[in-house]
C-alpha atoms as a PDB file:
ATOM      1  CA  UNK A   1      32.969  15.458  31.645  1.00  0.00           C
ATOM      2  CA  UNK A   2      35.553  16.592  29.911  1.00  0.00           C
ATOM      3  CA  UNK A   3      34.522  19.666  28.562  1.00  0.00           C
ATOM      4  CA  UNK A   4      38.127  21.869  27.583  1.00  0.00           C
ATOM      5  CA  UNK A   5      39.489  25.312  28.439  1.00  0.00           C
ATOM      6  CA  UNK A   6      37.037  26.647  25.059  1.00  0.00           C
ATOM      7  CA  UNK A   7      34.572  24.290  26.312  1.00  0.00           C
ATOM      8  CA  UNK A   8      33.988  25.768  30.019  1.00  0.00           C
ATOM      9  CA  UNK A   9      33.906  29.284  27.974  1.00  0.00           C
ATOM     10  CA  UNK A  10      30.833  28.364  25.980  1.00  0.00           C
ATOM     11  CA  UNK A  11      28.935  26.495  28.887  1.00  0.00           C
ATOM     12  CA  UNK A  12      29.335  29.529  31.032  1.00  0.00           C
ATOM     13  CA  UNK A  13      28.888  32.167  28.194  1.00  0.00           C
ATOM     14  CA  UNK A  14      25.893  30.304  26.216  1.00  0.00           C
ATOM     15  CA  UNK A  15      22.850  29.636  29.231  1.00  0.00           C
ATOM     16  CA  UNK A  16      21.117  27.487  26.436  1.00  0.00           C
ATOM     17  CA  UNK A  17      24.294  25.390  27.194  1.00  0.00           C
ATOM     18  CA  UNK A  18      25.084  26.018  31.170  1.00  0.00           C
ATOM     19  CA  UNK A  19      21.073  24.286  30.965  1.00  0.00           C
ATOM     20  CA  UNK A  20      22.736  21.566  29.683  1.00  0.00           C
ATOM     21  CA  UNK A  21      25.366  20.829  31.321  1.00  0.00           C
ATOM     22  CA  UNK A  22      23.730  20.702  34.592  1.00  0.00           C
ATOM     23  CA  UNK A  23      20.987  18.792  32.888  1.00  0.00           C
ATOM     24  CA  UNK A  24      23.763  15.916  32.326  1.00  0.00           C
ATOM     25  CA  UNK A  25      25.462  16.795  35.506  1.00  0.00           C
ATOM     26  CA  UNK A  26      22.697  15.657  37.032  1.00  0.00           C
ATOM     27  CA  UNK A  27      21.865  12.429  34.955  1.00  0.00           C
ATOM     28  CA  UNK A  28      25.052  11.284  36.054  1.00  0.00           C
ATOM     29  CA  UNK A  29      24.947  12.478  39.427  1.00  0.00           C
ATOM     30  CA  UNK A  30      21.234  10.127  39.758  1.00  0.00           C
ATOM     31  CA  UNK A  31      19.112  13.431  40.175  1.00  0.00           C
ATOM     32  CA  UNK A  32      16.895  12.239  37.157  1.00  0.00           C
ATOM     33  CA  UNK A  33      14.243  15.071  38.295  1.00  0.00           C
ATOM     34  CA  UNK A  34      16.325  17.719  38.747  1.00  0.00           C
ATOM     35  CA  UNK A  35      17.801  16.570  35.180  1.00  0.00           C
ATOM     36  CA  UNK A  36      15.267  16.549  33.388  1.00  0.00           C
ATOM     37  CA  UNK A  37      14.641  20.351  34.514  1.00  0.00           C
ATOM     38  CA  UNK A  38      17.768  21.767  32.929  1.00  0.00           C
ATOM     39  CA  UNK A  39      17.039  18.973  30.027  1.00  0.00           C
ATOM     40  CA  UNK A  40      13.512  20.556  29.435  1.00  0.00           C
ATOM     41  CA  UNK A  41      14.941  24.489  30.395  1.00  0.00           C
ATOM     42  CA  UNK A  42      16.915  23.881  27.963  1.00  0.00           C
ATOM     43  CA  UNK A  43      15.637  22.675  24.820  1.00  0.00           C
ATOM     44  CA  UNK A  44      12.609  25.267  25.128  1.00  0.00           C
ATOM     45  CA  UNK A  45      15.091  27.908  25.114  1.00  0.00           C
ATOM     46  CA  UNK A  46      17.197  26.235  21.917  1.00  0.00           C
ATOM     47  CA  UNK A  47      17.114  28.203  18.661  1.00  0.00           C
ATOM     48  CA  UNK A  48      19.142  26.148  16.282  1.00  0.00           C
ATOM     49  CA  UNK A  49      19.024  22.948  14.797  1.00  0.00           C
ATOM     50  CA  UNK A  50      22.542  21.088  16.590  1.00  0.00           C
ATOM     51  CA  UNK A  51      21.385  22.488  19.963  1.00  0.00           C
ATOM     52  CA  UNK A  52      17.762  21.038  19.765  1.00  0.00           C
ATOM     53  CA  UNK A  53      18.970  17.354  18.342  1.00  0.00           C
ATOM     54  CA  UNK A  54      21.931  17.394  21.593  1.00  0.00           C
ATOM     55  CA  UNK A  55      18.307  18.477  23.645  1.00  0.00           C
ATOM     56  CA  UNK A  56      16.761  15.819  22.563  1.00  0.00           C
ATOM     57  CA  UNK A  57      19.597  13.179  22.946  1.00  0.00           C
ATOM     58  CA  UNK A  58      19.410  13.494  26.815  1.00  0.00           C
ATOM     59  CA  UNK A  59      16.287  13.516  27.003  1.00  0.00           C
ATOM     60  CA  UNK A  60      16.027  10.161  25.268  1.00  0.00           C
ATOM     61  CA  UNK A  61      18.549   9.088  27.703  1.00  0.00           C
ATOM     62  CA  UNK A  62      16.694   9.827  30.378  1.00  0.00           C
ATOM     63  CA  UNK A  63      14.335   8.807  29.875  1.00  0.00           C
ATOM     64  CA  UNK A  64      15.028   5.503  29.187  1.00  0.00           C
ATOM     65  CA  UNK A  65      16.697   5.392  31.934  1.00  0.00           C
ATOM     66  CA  UNK A  66      13.092   5.643  34.267  1.00  0.00           C
ATOM     67  CA  UNK A  67      11.468   3.777  31.153  1.00  0.00           C
ATOM     68  CA  UNK A  68       8.587   6.467  30.340  1.00  0.00           C
ATOM     69  CA  UNK A  69       7.190   4.994  27.049  1.00  0.00           C
ATOM     70  CA  UNK A  70       5.211   8.473  26.930  1.00  0.00           C
ATOM     71  CA  UNK A  71       8.205  10.701  27.297  1.00  0.00           C
ATOM     72  CA  UNK A  72      10.105   8.629  24.710  1.00  0.00           C
ATOM     73  CA  UNK A  73       7.471   9.128  22.348  1.00  0.00           C
ATOM     74  CA  UNK A  74       7.181  12.752  22.524  1.00  0.00           C
ATOM     75  CA  UNK A  75      11.093  13.309  22.365  1.00  0.00           C
ATOM     76  CA  UNK A  76      11.198  10.766  19.345  1.00  0.00           C
ATOM     77  CA  UNK A  77       7.874  13.255  17.350  1.00  0.00           C
ATOM     78  CA  UNK A  78      10.066  16.228  18.747  1.00  0.00           C
ATOM     79  CA  UNK A  79      13.165  15.007  17.228  1.00  0.00           C
ATOM     80  CA  UNK A  80      11.154  14.176  13.655  1.00  0.00           C
ATOM     81  CA  UNK A  81       9.876  17.434  14.327  1.00  0.00           C
ATOM     82  CA  UNK A  82      13.283  18.920  14.132  1.00  0.00           C
ATOM     83  CA  UNK A  83      15.282  17.207  12.021  1.00  0.00           C
ATOM     84  CA  UNK A  84      12.885  15.625   9.589  1.00  0.00           C
ATOM     85  CA  UNK A  85      15.305  14.755   6.857  1.00  0.00           C
ATOM     86  CA  UNK A  86      16.755  12.907   9.736  1.00  0.00           C
ATOM     87  CA  UNK A  87      16.926   9.079   8.354  1.00  0.00           C
ATOM     88  CA  UNK A  88      18.017   8.046  12.347  1.00  0.00           C
ATOM     89  CA  UNK A  89      14.282   9.598  13.545  1.00  0.00           C
ATOM     90  CA  UNK A  90      12.622   8.492  10.999  1.00  0.00           C
ATOM     91  CA  UNK A  91      13.194   5.549  11.875  1.00  0.00           C
ATOM     92  CA  UNK A  92      12.917   5.627  15.664  1.00  0.00           C
ATOM     93  CA  UNK A  93       9.995   7.091  15.388  1.00  0.00           C
ATOM     94  CA  UNK A  94       8.514   4.298  12.612  1.00  0.00           C
ATOM     95  CA  UNK A  95       9.780   1.714  15.277  1.00  0.00           C
ATOM     96  CA  UNK A  96       7.384   3.239  18.645  1.00  0.00           C
ATOM     97  CA  UNK A  97       4.381   3.511  16.609  1.00  0.00           C
ATOM     98  CA  UNK A  98       4.983  -0.240  15.702  1.00  0.00           C
ATOM     99  CA  UNK A  99       5.079  -1.045  18.758  1.00  0.00           C
ATOM    100  CA  UNK A 100       2.306   0.481  19.815  1.00  0.00           C
ATOM    101  CA  UNK A 101       0.210  -1.170  16.656  1.00  0.00           C
ATOM    102  CA  UNK A 102       0.160   2.587  14.443  1.00  0.00           C
ATOM    103  CA  UNK A 103       0.739   0.678  11.323  1.00  0.00           C
ATOM    104  CA  UNK A 104      -0.172   4.297   9.508  1.00  0.00           C
ATOM    105  CA  UNK A 105       2.251   6.369  11.148  1.00  0.00           C
ATOM    106  CA  UNK A 106       4.930   3.819  11.378  1.00  0.00           C
ATOM    107  CA  UNK A 107       4.212   3.131   7.419  1.00  0.00           C
ATOM    108  CA  UNK A 108       4.756   6.530   7.042  1.00  0.00           C
ATOM    109  CA  UNK A 109       7.579   7.443   9.156  1.00  0.00           C
ATOM    110  CA  UNK A 110       9.576   4.752   7.550  1.00  0.00           C
ATOM    111  CA  UNK A 111       8.748   5.781   3.545  1.00  0.00           C
ATOM    112  CA  UNK A 112      10.158   9.033   5.560  1.00  0.00           C
ATOM    113  CA  UNK A 113      13.142   6.816   6.409  1.00  0.00           C
ATOM    114  CA  UNK A 114      13.460   5.684   2.831  1.00  0.00           C
ATOM    115  CA  UNK A 115      13.493   8.957   1.452  1.00  0.00           C
ATOM    116  CA  UNK A 116      16.342  10.089   2.832  1.00  0.00           C
ATOM    117  CA  UNK A 117      18.277   7.039   3.588  1.00  0.00           C
ATOM    118  CA  UNK A 118      17.297   4.394   0.118  1.00  0.00           C
ATOM    119  CA  UNK A 119      19.464   1.747   1.222  1.00  0.00           C
ATOM    120  CA  UNK A 120      18.287   1.845   4.892  1.00  0.00           C
ATOM    121  CA  UNK A 121      17.543  -2.366   5.784  1.00  0.00           C
ATOM    122  CA  UNK A 122      15.485  -1.493   9.034  1.00  0.00           C
ATOM    123  CA  UNK A 123      12.835   0.746   7.242  1.00  0.00           C
ATOM    124  CA  UNK A 124      12.447  -2.386   4.515  1.00  0.00           C
ATOM    125  CA  UNK A 125      12.921  -4.982   7.183  1.00  0.00           C
ATOM    126  CA  UNK A 126       9.535  -2.771   9.483  1.00  0.00           C
ATOM    127  CA  UNK A 127       7.554  -2.059   6.131  1.00  0.00           C
ATOM    128  CA  UNK A 128       7.663  -5.643   5.093  1.00  0.00           C
ATOM    129  CA  UNK A 129       6.862  -6.832   8.725  1.00  0.00           C
ATOM    130  CA  UNK A 130       3.534  -3.898   8.047  1.00  0.00           C
ATOM    131  CA  UNK A 131       2.813  -5.269   4.383  1.00  0.00           C
ATOM    132  CA  UNK A 132       2.548  -8.637   5.954  1.00  0.00           C
ATOM    133  CA  UNK A 133      -0.163  -7.681   9.013  1.00  0.00           C
ATOM    134  CA  UNK A 134      -2.304  -5.959   6.207  1.00  0.00           C
ATOM    135  CA  UNK A 135      -2.079  -8.862   3.542  1.00  0.00           C
ATOM    136  CA  UNK A 136      -0.133  -7.456   1.517  1.00  0.00           C
ATOM    137  CA  UNK A 137       1.756 -10.168   0.066  1.00  0.00           C
ATOM    138  CA  UNK A 138       2.462  -8.494  -3.507  1.00  0.00           C
ATOM    139  CA  UNK A 139       3.839  -4.898  -1.785  1.00  0.00           C
ATOM    140  CA  UNK A 140       5.515  -7.970   0.891  1.00  0.00           C
ATOM    141  CA  UNK A 141       7.917  -9.456  -1.827  1.00  0.00           C
ATOM    142  CA  UNK A 142       7.968  -6.536  -3.625  1.00  0.00           C
ATOM    143  CA  UNK A 143      10.001  -4.891  -0.305  1.00  0.00           C
ATOM    144  CA  UNK A 144      11.494  -8.223   0.568  1.00  0.00           C
ATOM    145  CA  UNK A 145      12.995  -8.316  -3.298  1.00  0.00           C
ATOM    146  CA  UNK A 146      14.645  -5.177  -2.758  1.00  0.00           C
ATOM    147  CA  UNK A 147      16.192  -5.726   1.218  1.00  0.00           C
ATOM    148  CA  UNK A 148      17.339  -8.996  -0.205  1.00  0.00           C
ATOM    149  CA  UNK A 149      19.424  -6.950  -2.729  1.00  0.00           C
ATOM    150  CA  UNK A 150      21.118  -4.933  -0.534  1.00  0.00           C
ATOM    151  CA  UNK A 151      21.748  -7.512   1.944  1.00  0.00           C
ATOM    152  CA  UNK A 152      21.148 -11.446   0.568  1.00  0.00           C
ATOM    153  CA  UNK A 153      22.972 -12.703   4.031  1.00  0.00           C
ATOM    154  CA  UNK A 154      21.439 -10.927   6.822  1.00  0.00           C
ATOM    155  CA  UNK A 155      19.650 -13.495   7.840  1.00  0.00           C
ATOM    156  CA  UNK A 156      16.321 -11.360   9.098  1.00  0.00           C
ATOM    157  CA  UNK A 157      16.149 -10.868   5.353  1.00  0.00           C
ATOM    158  CA  UNK A 158      15.099 -14.754   5.334  1.00  0.00           C
ATOM    159  CA  UNK A 159      14.083 -15.028   8.594  1.00  0.00           C
ATOM    160  CA  UNK A 160      10.970 -12.665   6.666  1.00  0.00           C
ATOM    161  CA  UNK A 161      11.636 -14.367   3.513  1.00  0.00           C
ATOM    162  CA  UNK A 162       9.725 -17.600   6.090  1.00  0.00           C
ATOM    163  CA  UNK A 163       7.624 -15.040   7.631  1.00  0.00           C
ATOM    164  CA  UNK A 164       6.191 -14.267   4.405  1.00  0.00           C
ATOM    165  CA  UNK A 165       6.307 -18.576   2.842  1.00  0.00           C
ATOM    166  CA  UNK A 166       4.710 -19.150   5.866  1.00  0.00           C
ATOM    167  CA  UNK A 167       1.925 -17.041   6.045  1.00  0.00           C
ATOM    168  CA  UNK A 168       1.147 -18.281   2.216  1.00  0.00           C
ATOM    169  CA  UNK A 169       1.066 -22.040   3.654  1.00  0.00           C
ATOM    170  CA  UNK A 170       3.873 -22.896   1.697  1.00  0.00           C
ATOM    171  CA  UNK A 171       5.893 -25.505   3.758  1.00  0.00           C
ATOM    172  CA  UNK A 172       8.241 -25.860   0.720  1.00  0.00           C
ATOM    173  CA  UNK A 173       9.432 -22.274   0.776  1.00  0.00           C
ATOM    174  CA  UNK A 174       8.921 -21.235   4.368  1.00  0.00           C
ATOM    175  CA  UNK A 175      11.933 -24.138   5.405  1.00  0.00           C
ATOM    176  CA  UNK A 176      14.325 -23.515   3.150  1.00  0.00           C
ATOM    177  CA  UNK A 177      14.458 -19.995   3.992  1.00  0.00           C
ATOM    178  CA  UNK A 178      14.700 -21.214   7.315  1.00  0.00           C
ATOM    179  CA  UNK A 179      17.453 -22.739   6.181  1.00  0.00           C
ATOM    180  CA  UNK A 180      19.324 -19.968   5.517  1.00  0.00           C
ATOM    181  CA  UNK A 181      18.814 -18.062   7.724  1.00  0.00           C
ATOM    182  CA  UNK A 182      20.587 -20.148  10.556  1.00  0.00           C
ATOM    183  CA  UNK A 183      23.360 -20.608   7.667  1.00  0.00           C
ATOM    184  CA  UNK A 184      23.952 -16.662   7.758  1.00  0.00           C
ATOM    185  CA  UNK A 185      23.983 -16.761  11.272  1.00  0.00           C
ATOM    186  CA  UNK A 186      20.536 -16.439  13.009  1.00  0.00           C
ATOM    187  CA  UNK A 187      20.755 -15.348  16.832  1.00  0.00           C
ATOM    188  CA  UNK A 188      18.404 -17.783  17.634  1.00  0.00           C
ATOM    189  CA  UNK A 189      17.504 -20.632  14.945  1.00  0.00           C
ATOM    190  CA  UNK A 190      15.293 -23.024  17.142  1.00  0.00           C
ATOM    191  CA  UNK A 191      13.522 -19.833  17.860  1.00  0.00           C
ATOM    192  CA  UNK A 192      12.878 -19.261  13.731  1.00  0.00           C
ATOM    193  CA  UNK A 193      11.850 -23.655  13.239  1.00  0.00           C
ATOM    194  CA  UNK A 194       9.075 -23.039  16.245  1.00  0.00           C
ATOM    195  CA  UNK A 195       7.797 -19.808  14.872  1.00  0.00           C
ATOM    196  CA  UNK A 196       6.982 -21.039  10.868  1.00  0.00           C
ATOM    197  CA  UNK A 197       5.857 -24.347  12.575  1.00  0.00           C
ATOM    198  CA  UNK A 198       3.535 -22.380  14.638  1.00  0.00           C
ATOM    199  CA  UNK A 199       2.346 -20.166  11.493  1.00  0.00           C
ATOM    200  CA  UNK A 200       1.673 -23.490   9.436  1.00  0.00           C
ATOM    201  CA  UNK A 201      -0.073 -25.675  12.074  1.00  0.00           C
ATOM    202  CA  UNK A 202      -2.536 -22.789  12.613  1.00  0.00           C
ATOM    203  CA  UNK A 203      -2.768 -22.310   8.902  1.00  0.00           C
ATOM    204  CA  UNK A 204      -3.272 -25.534   8.401  1.00  0.00           C
ATOM    205  CA  UNK A 205      -5.593 -26.528  11.894  1.00  0.00           C
ATOM    206  CA  UNK A 206      -6.370 -23.232  12.979  1.00  0.00           C
ATOM    207  CA  UNK A 207      -4.841 -24.146  16.352  1.00  0.00           C
ATOM    208  CA  UNK A 208      -2.169 -21.561  17.708  1.00  0.00           C
ATOM    209  CA  UNK A 209       0.816 -21.914  20.007  1.00  0.00           C
ATOM    210  CA  UNK A 210       2.609 -19.856  22.372  1.00  0.00           C
ATOM    211  CA  UNK A 211       4.403 -19.536  19.434  1.00  0.00           C
ATOM    212  CA  UNK A 212       2.700 -17.799  16.662  1.00  0.00           C
ATOM    213  CA  UNK A 213       4.084 -14.525  16.381  1.00  0.00           C
ATOM    214  CA  UNK A 214       1.853 -11.285  17.812  1.00  0.00           C
ATOM    215  CA  UNK A 215       2.986  -9.996  13.744  1.00  0.00           C
ATOM    216  CA  UNK A 216      -0.034 -13.041  13.133  1.00  0.00           C
ATOM    217  CA  UNK A 217      -1.826 -12.201  16.445  1.00  0.00           C
ATOM    218  CA  UNK A 218      -2.261  -8.898  14.672  1.00  0.00           C
ATOM    219  CA  UNK A 219      -3.336 -10.554  11.527  1.00  0.00           C
ATOM    220  CA  UNK A 220      -5.865 -12.674  13.420  1.00  0.00           C
ATOM    221  CA  UNK A 221      -7.300  -9.788  15.106  1.00  0.00           C
ATOM    222  CA  UNK A 222      -7.451  -7.533  11.889  1.00  0.00           C
ATOM    223  CA  UNK A 223      -9.097 -10.108  10.103  1.00  0.00           C
ATOM    224  CA  UNK A 224     -12.004 -10.479  13.205  1.00  0.00           C
ATOM    225  CA  UNK A 225     -12.679  -6.473  13.091  1.00  0.00           C
ATOM    226  CA  UNK A 226     -13.150  -7.180   9.015  1.00  0.00           C
END
């Protein structure tokens, strides 16, 4: 790692920087346990937000490498604690909460993302998903219209519109949005067709095949609990 003369002087003079550098060096050397020890010690001593976030970001790299989901969530929370006005940190924590099914916390994080970045399409995209799971169709439609104003040619926007119409049982509009997603260059056009057909089929027949998305299963589970 090239630090330059000034960088080396800082590392030698600053104990926190020295620990962080040792942690990074250990990470690239494959000594992951030692890397965690150094980075955690550096984080505990850091008293400036920039340094705290630096340590957290390297811990995220480490825990991604070791696939430590619980520790990753801890890092995402720490990042938001240290930098609550950082939309990327809020969005990342929101995604983690969404993945584990904690929709209320996920919604809060995505709303905070929009507070600091009003045109963050990823946050709008996930808010739509949460509202569809909750059955808040009017709110989902309103959010989708905000999303399409931000980027009307993004394939995922039309993919979510297709989900929305499929969940309402509107086959014509769902298929129309599928075609728009395909024209905009969606990555897997066959997948979106299977997904939309699975949702429509479930609405019409009650049969759930393997293509029914997890998002829709959550909606079913919510109804059963109610």
